[in-house]
Amino acid sequence: MQRKRRLQASISQQAGLPRLAATATYPYPMIDDDQLLHYYERELALLRRSLQNFAEQYPRAAARLSISGGQSEDPHVERMMQSFAFLAARISARIDDDYPELAELLLSIIYPQYLRPFPSCSIAQFDIAGMFENRMQPVTVPRGTELLTKAGKCYFSTVYDVVLAPLGITEARYLPMPSAPSGVTLPPDTSGMLSIAFSAAVRAGQPNMTLPSTVRMHLAGSREVVTSLMDTMLLRTAVAYVEDSAGHWKRLETVPIAAAGFGAHDGLVHADRTSSSFQLLTEYFAFPERFDFIDVDFASLRRAAGDGGNVTLHLAVRAVHPDSWNAHRLMQVSPRHFKLFCTPVVNLFAEANVPLTREPKTGVWPINVKRNDSAPAEAWSIDAVRTADGKEARPLTSLIGGSAGLNDPRWIFIARNAERWLRGASPAALDLVGADGKSMATDVGQLTVDVTCSNGDLPHSLPVGAPEGDLQMERDAVAEKITLLHVPTSVGKLPRTDGSLWRLISMQVPQPVRLNPKGLDELKEMFRQFASLSRMQGKQIDGVTHLARRSVMQWLVMQPQPGFVRGIEITLTISDQAFAAHSIAVFAGVMERFFTPYAPEYSFVQLVLISGQYGIELWRGKPLMGATPIL
């Protein structure tokens, strides 16, 4: 194995690769022996064929080398052929691997999340029982709050702000034969009515109890029912009515519901502006339940219904035939499909001031994270590095750039490769290097780091649904019971072979000219990379059948003044059957944000979805400003 590593390093140096490639953010796995054998036999066959051609053209020279029929009777010549075939096999394997050292180094700068294992995720619900006996204001559990599992001692962090209030959902139903009180006129194309009743538990001695202005609901249940609910509320609602405690209906000016989870700070994992669209795509396939949330403008309901404690939201639904699959799914709806006080949680947590000591044999600083009696943790990313005197060290982000003339050491993160990460092998480490990427001699004996950690795949094996709850807050506990609604997902990894890394890098520079039928296959191939994280393997990708774009001009209200703006209208044609278990509204929300980098900041992108079966317009999004900065 040592000889194997030395030989690979030698080949890398011959190919002109910097030493940093051997310590990239995620070291590329060693060449598999079976794979190497395949390349060796292929290279040896090519050599023998070339020898045979050489012997036919130059028989005298071939005779001196004892070459006959592609082989040589001289053992020294035969040994040279085999040795050269062995070396050529390794180089061929590296070439076919698209030089992952360089690709991974680029991605570690522009989109490092792609190279890291995707952490375990679930949905947590807070129980408000007994919370508001003496409280008069809602309680907010902010994003990033750490929750500890009672079994296994794993840490999760909340993804959304959770506003706890004395509020409940007492009734939810769908009626395929809608009716309304006298004096209320429903739209002529109404085909059903979805009703959700909210009850505020305001006591007699608490008339001034404050309720939140926005209520976030998590849609729970089977994927088919959740999909029908989501698309019915976001795509098929014609008008909305509110019913007060006395049974009076009032029509609302706008439908008071909106999709949740698309905000700049709603991601499972923090992503900067350059990679936010790809991160949204990653999370869509890795954990689609994160988008199963609806925001209700509760303030508008209370204004229309008065100050009573009970209000009912009625949504007049259109385009749902009573005998359709959607109607049958919606008729199963009950209060259990609407859950309040929920948030996605992700198995990532911050650990500050972790001391590191240099290991003499390897010359690196292993990162061993241990918090009290919690489960074993692994460094997922490094957020800051400081020396013993408090001076902050910078990461190495370029072999040339602005760091070439500096003598201060830079750090690089040596994490496990994906397979070893899942097995729980040797810990991640940190190395100090010079501007050329090579380890440098330094008198730094101890470092302190701030890291983001994960418990690996351990959360996936934890039991859920305990009567006393699955999670607890270590500090400032406001809820006695916190339940996990799903078994945490297993750790996922994104592909790095078959040109996937270079394909992703090429997509970092969006080109609107690719948005045509010819570019659709390219786009779908890249989507399948991210779909490898999906339990259903992204079946909806095959349901995208056509892609087109055209330049449009619209009047937009914006700062400093409104005006006509030229933008891009992107049209996707989709198969209705492929989205039976996938929300069209959520898919549209992800896609329109994915396409925003295809327009500059002063322009806009507008997405249109067309039904491939009926040819009707399913979605027309609002114009979103482009995300490509202007230099």
Foldseek 3Di string as FASTA:
>chain_A
DVVLVVLLVVLCVVVVHFPLLCQFQANDDRDDPVQLVVQLVVQLVVQLVVLAVVCVVPVVVCVVQQDDNSDHPPVVVRVVSSVVSSSVSSVVVCVQLVVVSVLRLVCCQLPVVQQFWAFWKFKKFFDCVPQVPPDQEWDKDAFQFWWFFPPQGFIKTFQHIATHAQKAWDKWAKAQDDDADPPDDDPPQFRIKIKIKMFGPADPVRLNRDDDQKFKKFFDDALLLLQLVVLQLPFFFDWKWKAAPVGDIDTDPHRFKDWDQLDQRRAQDHDDLLCPLVSLLLCCQQPVSQRRMMMGRVNSNCVVHDSDRMMMMMTRGGDDHCPDPSNVSRRVDISVRIGGRMTMITRKHKDFFQKWFADVVVRWTFGFDDDDPHAGKAFRFFDWKAFPVGHTAAAQSALPPPQVPDFDWHKHKRQHRPVCLQVVDGGITMATDHSNSHGDDDPGGMMTTMTMMGNAFVQLPDDFDDPQEGIFRPPPTSGRHMGTPDRIDHTHHFDSGPCLSVLVVVPSQPAVVLQFQVNLVSVLVNSLRSNSSHPVSPLQSVFFRTKDKDKDWDFDQDPPGIDIAIEMEIETEGEPVSCSSPHPVSVVSSVLSSCLQNAEQRHWYWYWYAYPVPRHTRDTDDTDGHSHYDD
